[in-house]
Protein backbone atom coordinates (compact mmCIF):
# COMPACT_ATOMS: atom_id res chain seq x y z
CA MET A 1 -18.05 -7.49 -4.68
CA ALA A 2 -19.35 -3.96 -4.15
CA SER A 3 -17.15 -1.25 -5.53
CA LEU A 4 -15.17 0.94 -3.20
CA ALA A 5 -16.46 4.36 -2.33
CA ASP A 6 -13.55 6.51 -3.48
CA THR A 7 -9.88 7.07 -2.83
CA SER A 8 -10.44 7.90 0.80
CA SER A 9 -12.90 5.40 2.23
CA ARG A 10 -14.25 1.90 2.02
CA ASP A 11 -17.69 2.32 3.52
CA GLY A 12 -19.76 1.38 0.49
CA THR A 13 -21.11 4.87 -0.31
CA VAL A 14 -19.97 7.79 -2.41
CA PRO A 15 -18.64 10.57 -0.17
CA ASN A 16 -20.05 14.07 -0.41
CA GLY A 17 -16.81 15.90 0.28
CA GLN A 18 -13.16 15.48 -0.60
CA ASP A 19 -10.14 17.46 0.42
CA SER A 20 -9.16 19.38 -2.70
CA LEU A 21 -5.42 18.86 -2.21
CA THR A 22 -5.07 15.21 -1.20
CA GLY A 23 -8.27 13.58 -2.47
CA LEU A 24 -8.99 12.14 0.98
CA SER A 25 -12.30 12.85 2.70
CA ASP A 26 -12.61 16.29 4.23
CA LEU A 27 -13.64 17.06 7.81
CA ALA A 28 -17.35 17.31 7.04
CA GLN A 29 -17.36 13.97 5.25
CA ALA A 30 -15.41 12.35 8.10
CA ARG A 31 -18.08 13.46 10.55
CA GLN A 32 -20.89 12.19 8.31
CA THR A 33 -19.24 8.81 7.78
CA MET A 34 -18.63 8.15 11.48
CA GLN A 35 -22.17 9.24 12.32
CA ARG A 36 -23.56 6.89 9.67
CA TRP A 37 -21.49 3.99 11.01
CA GLN A 38 -22.98 4.46 14.45
CA ARG A 39 -26.50 5.09 13.18
CA ASP A 40 -26.48 1.92 11.08
CA TRP A 41 -25.12 -0.29 13.87
CA PRO A 42 -27.95 -2.55 15.16
CA ASP A 43 -29.42 -1.79 18.59
CA GLY A 44 -28.90 -4.61 21.04
CA GLY A 45 -26.05 -6.02 18.96
CA PRO A 46 -22.40 -6.41 19.94
CA PRO A 47 -20.48 -3.35 21.13
CA PHE A 48 -19.87 -0.84 18.37
CA PRO A 49 -16.42 -1.66 16.91
CA MET A 50 -14.52 1.44 15.88
CA ARG A 51 -10.95 2.56 16.33
CA ALA A 52 -9.60 5.96 15.37
CA MET A 53 -6.22 7.66 15.14
CA LEU A 54 -5.32 11.30 14.59
CA ILE A 55 -2.07 11.77 12.68
CA ALA A 56 -0.37 15.12 13.31
CA ILE A 57 2.40 16.00 10.87
CA GLY A 58 4.84 18.43 12.40
CA ARG A 59 7.06 20.98 10.65
CA ILE A 60 5.00 21.37 7.46
CA ASP A 61 5.19 25.13 7.99
CA ARG A 62 9.00 24.88 8.00
CA VAL A 63 8.92 22.92 4.74
CA ASN A 64 6.80 25.68 3.21
CA VAL A 65 9.25 28.34 4.35
CA ALA A 66 12.38 26.43 3.33
CA TYR A 67 11.25 24.94 0.01
CA GLY A 68 8.04 26.72 -0.93
CA GLU A 69 4.35 25.87 -0.66
CA THR A 70 4.42 23.74 -3.81
CA THR A 71 6.85 21.35 -2.13
CA GLY A 72 4.83 21.46 1.10
CA ASP A 73 1.67 20.55 -0.82
CA GLY A 74 3.51 17.71 -2.54
CA VAL A 75 4.61 16.35 0.84
CA LEU A 76 1.02 16.36 2.12
CA ILE A 77 -0.16 14.57 -1.02
CA GLU A 78 2.52 11.91 -0.58
CA ILE A 79 1.58 11.41 3.09
CA ALA A 80 -2.07 11.04 2.11
CA GLN A 81 -1.07 8.40 -0.45
CA ARG A 82 0.87 6.48 2.20
CA ILE A 83 -2.05 6.57 4.64
CA ARG A 84 -4.49 5.39 1.98
CA HIS A 85 -2.24 2.58 0.76
CA PHE A 86 -1.58 1.48 4.32
CA ALA A 87 -5.31 1.28 5.04
CA GLU A 88 -6.00 -0.64 1.86
CA ASP A 89 -3.28 -3.17 2.65
CA GLU A 90 -3.63 -3.61 6.40
CA LEU A 91 -7.19 -2.96 7.62
CA GLU A 92 -8.96 -6.29 7.67
CA SER A 93 -12.63 -5.30 7.55
CA GLY A 94 -12.31 -3.11 4.48
CA VAL A 95 -14.57 -0.52 6.15
CA TRP A 96 -12.41 2.49 6.89
CA LEU A 97 -12.14 6.21 6.49
CA ALA A 98 -9.10 8.38 5.76
CA ALA A 99 -9.50 12.15 5.94
CA ARG A 100 -7.50 15.35 6.06
CA ILE A 101 -9.09 17.25 8.92
CA SER A 102 -6.82 20.31 9.03
CA GLY A 103 -3.75 21.71 7.32
CA ASP A 104 -1.31 19.16 8.74
CA SER A 105 -3.58 16.65 10.51
CA PHE A 106 -5.15 13.44 9.20
CA LEU A 107 -7.70 10.98 10.56
CA LEU A 108 -7.78 7.23 10.04
CA ALA A 109 -10.76 5.35 11.44
CA ALA A 110 -11.85 1.75 10.96
CA ARG A 111 -15.11 0.01 11.74
CA GLU A 112 -13.79 -3.35 12.76
CA ASP A 113 -13.32 -5.45 15.85
CA CYS A 114 -9.66 -4.62 16.24
CA SER A 115 -7.77 -5.42 19.42
CA ARG A 116 -6.02 -2.55 21.17
CA GLU A 117 -2.70 -4.33 20.68
CA ARG A 118 -3.25 -4.42 16.92
CA TRP A 119 -4.36 -0.77 16.69
CA GLN A 120 -1.28 0.28 18.65
CA TRP A 121 0.95 -1.73 16.37
CA LEU A 122 -0.76 -0.40 13.24
CA ALA A 123 -0.09 3.14 14.44
CA GLU A 124 3.58 2.36 15.00
CA ALA A 125 3.86 0.79 11.55
CA LEU A 126 2.09 3.70 9.84
CA ALA A 127 4.32 6.15 11.70
CA ASP A 128 7.35 4.36 10.29
CA ALA A 129 5.85 4.45 6.78
CA ILE A 130 5.14 8.18 6.94
CA ALA A 131 8.63 8.89 8.31
CA MET A 132 10.29 7.33 5.25
CA PRO A 133 12.14 9.89 3.10
CA ILE A 134 10.07 11.91 0.62
CA VAL A 135 12.04 13.04 -2.43
CA ASP A 136 11.16 16.37 -4.05
CA SER A 137 11.52 15.77 -7.79
CA CYS A 138 12.09 19.47 -8.46
CA THR A 139 14.94 20.04 -6.01
CA SER A 140 16.06 16.42 -5.36
CA HIS A 141 15.92 17.20 -1.63
CA SER A 142 15.06 14.26 0.61
CA LEU A 143 12.62 15.33 3.32
CA ARG A 144 11.66 13.43 6.47
CA LEU A 145 8.80 14.30 8.79
CA TRP A 146 8.05 12.79 12.17
CA PRO A 147 4.31 12.31 12.82
CA ARG A 148 2.58 11.99 16.17
CA PHE A 149 -0.40 9.67 16.67
CA ALA A 150 -3.31 9.99 19.08
CA LEU A 151 -5.31 6.76 19.43
CA MET A 152 -8.70 5.82 20.87
CA ARG A 153 -11.55 3.34 20.66
CA ALA A 154 -15.08 4.61 20.23
CA ARG A 155 -17.53 3.94 23.04
CA ALA A 156 -21.29 3.59 22.85
CA GLY A 157 -21.99 7.22 23.75
CA ASP A 158 -19.36 8.79 21.52
CA ASP A 159 -20.38 10.82 18.50
CA ALA A 160 -18.15 12.12 15.73
CA ASP A 161 -17.46 15.45 17.46
CA SER A 162 -16.56 13.85 20.78
CA ILE A 163 -14.21 11.42 19.03
CA LEU A 164 -12.44 14.24 17.21
CA ASP A 165 -12.29 16.36 20.37
CA THR A 166 -10.81 13.50 22.39
CA LEU A 167 -8.17 12.84 19.77
CA ALA A 168 -7.33 16.55 19.56
CA GLU A 169 -6.96 16.80 23.35
CA THR A 170 -4.63 13.80 23.33
CA ALA A 171 -2.56 15.38 20.54
CA VAL A 172 -2.25 18.61 22.54
CA ARG A 173 -1.09 16.62 25.57
CA MET A 174 1.55 14.94 23.40
CA ARG A 175 3.02 18.27 22.31
CA SER A 176 4.06 18.96 25.86
CA SER A 177 5.59 15.51 26.26
CA ASN A 178 9.23 14.79 25.63
CA GLY A 179 9.49 12.84 22.38
CA GLU A 180 6.25 10.90 22.75
CA ARG A 181 5.23 9.64 19.30
CA ILE A 182 2.11 7.58 20.04
CA ALA A 183 -0.36 8.09 22.87
CA TRP A 184 -3.78 6.76 23.77
CA ALA A 185 -6.69 8.85 24.98
CA SER A 186 -6.99 8.99 28.74
CA GLU A 187 -9.33 6.02 29.05
CA ASP A 188 -6.84 3.84 27.21
CA LEU A 189 -3.61 4.80 28.93
CA ASP A 190 -3.12 1.25 30.16
CA GLN A 191 -2.46 0.12 26.58
CA GLN A 192 0.58 -2.06 26.24
CA GLY A 193 1.98 -2.94 22.85
CA LEU A 194 3.88 -5.97 21.65
CA SER A 195 7.62 -5.35 21.78
CA ASN A 196 9.57 -5.15 18.55
CA GLN A 197 11.88 -7.87 19.80
CA GLN A 198 8.99 -10.26 20.37
CA LEU A 199 7.47 -9.44 16.98
CA GLU A 200 10.78 -10.07 15.22
CA ALA A 201 11.15 -13.40 17.03
CA ASP A 202 7.61 -14.34 16.05
CA LEU A 203 8.37 -13.57 12.40
CA LEU A 204 11.50 -15.72 12.33
CA ALA A 205 9.54 -18.59 13.89
CA ALA A 206 6.76 -18.12 11.32
CA ILE A 207 9.27 -18.34 8.45
CA ASP A 208 10.77 -21.52 9.93
CA ARG A 209 7.29 -23.04 10.32
CA ASP A 210 6.28 -21.99 6.78
CA GLU A 211 3.44 -19.85 8.16
CA ILE A 212 3.89 -16.89 5.79
CA GLU A 213 1.06 -17.31 3.31
CA VAL A 214 1.38 -16.31 -0.33
CA LEU A 215 -1.79 -15.19 -2.09
CA PHE A 216 -2.22 -14.52 -5.78
CA GLN A 217 -3.95 -11.42 -7.19
CA PRO A 218 -5.25 -12.40 -10.65
CA GLN A 219 -4.34 -10.20 -13.60
CA TYR A 220 -6.46 -9.92 -16.74
CA ARG A 221 -6.04 -8.71 -20.28
CA VAL A 222 -8.03 -5.60 -21.06
CA GLY A 223 -10.50 -6.12 -23.87
CA ASP A 224 -11.41 -9.79 -23.49
CA ASN A 225 -10.86 -10.29 -19.71
CA ARG A 226 -8.58 -13.24 -20.36
CA LEU A 227 -6.57 -14.36 -17.32
CA VAL A 228 -2.90 -13.68 -18.02
CA GLY A 229 -1.23 -14.22 -14.64
CA ALA A 230 -1.08 -13.08 -11.03
CA GLU A 231 0.89 -10.98 -8.57
CA ALA A 232 2.21 -12.82 -5.51
CA LEU A 233 1.26 -11.13 -2.21
CA ALA A 234 2.57 -12.16 1.21
CA ARG A 235 0.36 -12.28 4.31
CA TRP A 236 1.01 -13.32 7.89
CA GLN A 237 -1.73 -14.10 10.38
CA HIS A 238 -0.14 -13.13 13.69
CA PRO A 239 -1.76 -14.78 16.74
CA THR A 240 -2.11 -11.45 18.58
CA LEU A 241 -2.04 -8.72 15.96
CA GLY A 242 -4.06 -10.43 13.26
CA ARG A 243 -3.32 -10.07 9.57
CA ILE A 244 -0.06 -8.36 8.58
CA GLY A 245 0.50 -7.44 4.94
CA ALA A 246 3.65 -7.61 2.86
CA GLY A 247 4.79 -4.04 3.43
CA LEU A 248 4.82 -4.38 7.20
CA LEU A 249 6.22 -7.88 7.02
CA PHE A 250 9.33 -6.49 5.38
CA THR A 251 9.50 -3.62 7.87
CA ILE A 252 9.65 -6.15 10.70
CA ALA A 253 12.16 -8.28 8.80
CA GLU A 254 14.38 -5.25 8.19
CA ARG A 255 14.54 -4.55 11.92
CA ALA A 256 15.57 -8.15 12.51
CA ASP A 257 18.04 -8.06 9.59
CA HIS A 258 16.28 -10.97 7.90
CA VAL A 259 14.87 -9.33 4.75
CA ALA A 260 16.82 -11.65 2.44
CA GLN A 261 15.52 -14.71 4.27
CA LEU A 262 11.92 -13.51 4.10
CA SER A 263 12.20 -12.42 0.46
CA ARG A 264 13.65 -15.76 -0.61
CA HIS A 265 10.96 -17.59 1.35
CA ILE A 266 8.18 -15.64 -0.40
CA ALA A 267 9.74 -16.02 -3.85
CA ARG A 268 10.18 -19.76 -3.37
CA ARG A 269 6.59 -20.22 -2.18
CA ALA A 270 5.25 -18.11 -5.04
CA LEU A 271 7.21 -20.07 -7.65
CA ASP A 272 6.16 -23.36 -6.05
CA GLY A 273 2.55 -22.21 -6.15
CA ALA A 274 2.85 -21.54 -9.87
CA ARG A 275 4.03 -25.06 -10.72
CA ASP A 276 0.52 -26.25 -11.56
CA TRP A 277 -0.52 -23.20 -13.56
CA PRO A 278 -1.66 -23.69 -17.15
CA GLU A 279 1.03 -22.85 -19.67
CA GLY A 280 1.38 -19.20 -20.62
CA LEU A 281 0.42 -17.51 -17.34
CA CYS A 282 2.89 -15.05 -15.84
CA LEU A 283 3.89 -14.60 -12.18
CA SER A 284 4.79 -11.19 -10.74
CA ILE A 285 6.96 -10.99 -7.61
CA ASN A 286 7.93 -7.85 -5.69
CA VAL A 287 11.57 -7.06 -4.94
CA THR A 288 12.92 -4.98 -2.06
CA SER A 289 15.85 -2.59 -1.73
CA ALA A 290 17.55 -5.08 0.60
CA ASP A 291 17.31 -7.71 -2.14
CA LEU A 292 19.02 -5.49 -4.68
CA ALA A 293 21.68 -4.51 -2.14
CA ALA A 294 22.79 -8.13 -1.91
CA GLY A 295 25.54 -8.91 -4.40
CA SER A 296 24.21 -12.42 -5.04
CA PHE A 297 20.54 -11.47 -5.55
CA ALA A 298 20.41 -11.84 -9.34
CA ARG A 299 22.26 -15.17 -9.28
CA ASP A 300 20.12 -16.55 -6.42
CA PHE A 301 16.83 -15.43 -7.96
CA ILE A 302 17.72 -16.85 -11.37
CA ALA A 303 18.50 -20.17 -9.65
CA LEU A 304 15.06 -20.16 -8.00
CA VAL A 305 13.38 -19.54 -11.35
CA GLU A 306 15.41 -22.28 -13.04
CA ALA A 307 14.34 -24.73 -10.31
CA SER A 308 10.67 -23.86 -10.85
CA ALA A 309 8.29 -24.85 -13.62
CA LEU A 310 8.14 -21.34 -15.08
CA GLU A 311 10.12 -20.04 -18.01
CA PRO A 312 12.06 -16.86 -17.16
CA ASP A 313 9.97 -14.81 -19.60
CA HIS A 314 6.88 -15.80 -17.60
CA VAL A 315 8.28 -14.17 -14.44
CA THR A 316 8.12 -10.43 -13.72
CA LEU A 317 9.96 -8.62 -10.94
CA GLU A 318 8.10 -5.54 -9.68
CA ILE A 319 10.33 -2.73 -8.41
CA THR A 320 9.09 0.38 -6.58
CA GLU A 321 10.68 3.80 -6.63
CA GLN A 322 11.73 3.44 -2.99
CA VAL A 323 13.84 0.43 -4.05
CA LEU A 324 15.61 2.55 -6.67
CA LEU A 325 16.55 5.46 -4.42
CA ALA A 326 19.69 3.91 -2.97
CA ASP A 327 22.07 3.26 -5.89
CA LEU A 328 20.62 3.56 -9.37
CA ASP A 329 23.79 2.49 -11.21
CA ARG A 330 24.19 -0.65 -9.09
CA THR A 331 20.50 -1.42 -9.49
CA ARG A 332 20.82 -1.18 -13.26
CA GLU A 333 23.66 -3.72 -13.27
CA ILE A 334 21.59 -6.21 -11.27
CA LEU A 335 18.51 -5.70 -13.43
CA ASP A 336 20.62 -6.17 -16.56
CA GLU A 337 21.65 -9.61 -15.24
CA LEU A 338 18.00 -10.57 -14.70
CA LYS A 339 16.94 -9.16 -18.05
CA ALA A 340 19.68 -11.14 -19.83
CA VAL A 341 17.98 -14.46 -18.97
CA GLY A 342 14.53 -13.23 -20.00
CA ILE A 343 12.99 -12.12 -16.69
CA ASN A 344 10.61 -9.20 -17.15
CA LEU A 345 10.97 -5.99 -15.14
CA SER A 346 8.15 -3.69 -14.07
CA LEU A 347 8.24 -0.29 -12.33
CA ASP A 348 5.55 -0.68 -9.67
CA ASP A 349 3.28 1.95 -8.08
CA PHE A 350 3.98 4.38 -10.91
CA GLY A 351 2.35 7.71 -10.16
CA ALA A 352 2.22 7.17 -6.40
CA GLY A 353 5.01 9.59 -5.55
CA TYR A 354 7.81 11.64 -7.08
CA CYS A 355 8.88 9.48 -9.99
CA ASN A 356 12.30 10.27 -11.36
CA PHE A 357 11.86 9.92 -15.11
CA ARG A 358 15.54 9.01 -15.41
CA TYR A 359 14.48 5.53 -14.29
CA LEU A 360 12.59 5.10 -17.55
CA LYS A 361 15.67 6.08 -19.53
CA VAL A 362 18.31 4.12 -17.64
CA LEU A 363 16.66 0.88 -16.51
CA PRO A 364 15.84 -2.11 -18.77
CA LEU A 365 12.12 -1.98 -18.01
CA ASP A 366 9.34 -3.86 -19.81
CA CYS A 367 6.31 -2.47 -18.04
CA LEU A 368 4.83 0.39 -16.01
CA LYS A 369 2.36 -0.60 -13.32
CA LEU A 370 0.03 2.26 -12.49
CA ASP A 371 -0.62 2.88 -8.83
CA ARG A 372 -4.24 2.42 -7.78
CA ALA A 373 -4.41 6.16 -7.04
CA MET A 374 -4.01 6.79 -10.78
CA ILE A 375 -7.26 4.92 -11.43
CA ASP A 376 -9.35 6.20 -8.53
CA GLY A 377 -10.17 9.61 -9.94
CA VAL A 378 -10.18 9.09 -13.70
CA LEU A 379 -13.98 8.89 -13.97
CA ASP A 380 -14.65 12.22 -12.29
CA ASP A 381 -11.54 14.36 -12.60
CA LYS A 382 -10.38 15.66 -15.99
CA ARG A 383 -6.89 16.32 -14.65
CA ASP A 384 -6.55 12.71 -13.45
CA LEU A 385 -7.67 11.52 -16.88
CA ALA A 386 -5.19 13.83 -18.59
CA VAL A 387 -2.34 12.48 -16.43
CA LEU A 388 -3.37 8.89 -17.25
CA ARG A 389 -3.39 9.65 -20.97
CA ALA A 390 0.03 11.29 -20.76
CA ILE A 391 1.54 8.30 -18.93
CA VAL A 392 0.08 5.78 -21.36
CA ALA A 393 1.34 7.83 -24.33
CA MET A 394 4.82 8.03 -22.78
CA ALA A 395 4.83 4.27 -22.12
CA LYS A 396 3.85 3.56 -25.71
CA ALA A 397 6.64 5.81 -26.98
CA LEU A 398 9.12 3.87 -24.82
CA ASP A 399 7.64 0.50 -25.90
CA LEU A 400 6.52 -0.30 -22.35
CA ARG A 401 3.41 -2.27 -21.47
CA VAL A 402 0.98 -0.68 -19.01
CA VAL A 403 -0.73 -2.51 -16.15
CA ALA A 404 -3.44 -0.87 -14.01
CA GLU A 405 -4.06 -1.99 -10.45
CA GLY A 406 -7.02 -1.17 -8.24
CA VAL A 407 -9.69 -1.50 -10.96
CA GLU A 408 -12.95 -1.87 -9.06
CA LYS A 409 -15.67 -0.50 -11.34
CA ASP A 410 -16.89 -1.48 -14.80
CA GLU A 411 -16.63 2.16 -15.81
CA GLN A 412 -12.94 2.24 -14.86
CA LEU A 413 -12.28 -0.85 -16.94
CA ALA A 414 -14.07 0.61 -19.95
CA LEU A 415 -12.05 3.82 -19.63
CA ILE A 416 -8.62 2.20 -19.41
CA ALA A 417 -9.57 0.03 -22.39
CA ARG A 418 -10.26 3.16 -24.44
CA GLU A 419 -6.96 4.69 -23.30
CA GLY A 420 -4.82 1.73 -24.34
CA VAL A 421 -3.94 0.01 -21.04
CA GLU A 422 -3.15 -3.65 -21.76
CA THR A 423 -3.55 -5.44 -18.41
CA TYR A 424 -5.40 -4.86 -15.14
CA GLN A 425 -6.00 -6.28 -11.69
CA GLY A 426 -8.45 -5.39 -8.94
CA PHE A 427 -11.49 -6.41 -6.96
CA LEU A 428 -13.76 -5.91 -9.97
CA ARG A 429 -12.73 -9.33 -11.22
CA ALA A 430 -11.12 -11.11 -8.27
CA GLU A 431 -9.65 -10.70 -4.82
CA PRO A 432 -6.29 -12.22 -3.84
CA MET A 433 -6.61 -15.98 -3.36
CA GLY A 434 -4.64 -19.02 -2.31
CA ALA A 435 -2.61 -21.15 -4.72
CA GLU A 436 -5.24 -23.90 -5.04
CA ASP A 437 -8.04 -21.44 -5.66
CA PHE A 438 -6.00 -19.69 -8.31
CA VAL A 439 -5.31 -22.98 -10.11
CA ARG A 440 -9.05 -23.72 -10.12
CA LEU A 441 -9.72 -20.24 -11.50
CA ALA A 442 -7.07 -20.69 -14.20
CA ARG A 443 -8.36 -24.12 -15.24
CA GLY A 444 -12.04 -23.17 -15.02
């Protein structure tokens, strides 16, 4: 598979310009990319498929005044990370662009045949993701910002400037509205989205009908490229909205108060899918804050593992920082129970946000899993490489293994091998695949 362009786009080319703060494309590069998409689209072919959204982050100036510009910059970097991760997980075509187009405004555009219902829903889901608390590691303040989204679909006669102007005009109109969070450009005002209630009902029905698919992202040992296991990833193909990734699945489930049901369903399917794996391969499963909030989680999960074909030391639970924010002491007690039977514990998405290094001291961790953003810039940015080296050195000192995700270039693999990373995953070697395909890969 062709390597990805950079941290801010998936259009198959190397961008000319990046925003110096966030690493996303800058305004000039956004214009060039959209113009190239239209220029390369075949004449006489199907209508040009492009959707765009402008994301306006309010109150950044107040954050700068209240907490200082360093905190304000950190907030913008975190928002950029959330936009990029969202695009990587949820945009089906893989051809997209994320850019910072002004101080507090971002652009997300995708060249794909996306229904208006799905683009509306994606905007709502991304708005929820951006509005999640952002913790300032220096002050321990928890900040929340409320973005506004202007949406549109590109038409045959639109160029990059007209698209940006239309989105900007829609954003200005929204400022005068009373609490409007998402709005379509004037030609799309008839847009109607799927109600949350209907979506929640659809999810519960999909769980009952066993329609939530579990894919497996292969993981390899650095050095000899030996297959060592896989991370389980949930996907749901909604009849109207199309593919929905794991992050948004759990957002929907949380609204319906069925996170535990969904999490158990995914864990059971993942463990069932690993029954036919060759001996020695390890399965990684993600855990949510709602899981850890349940008093019976450790006992129930251990029972699932015992009923499967895997030994506990061949199962890894991946925990993100967001999961740990609620109650660190209670989380430690639960993780100690899991650790006592041999289940491995990994801190996921390390480097993606404000990591509290107390986690590394307090929790019984076995592994650090580097966020894909940690790998994106290591070939070209000396500071990114220095940060990677520091994290790997710290992990070694704490006797923690290091896993890198998002490895998509041979040069990235060679670099992490030199720096001492043990395990990696990414499109360089394999995309996520179904259980049967993974078994064939493992036995081949």
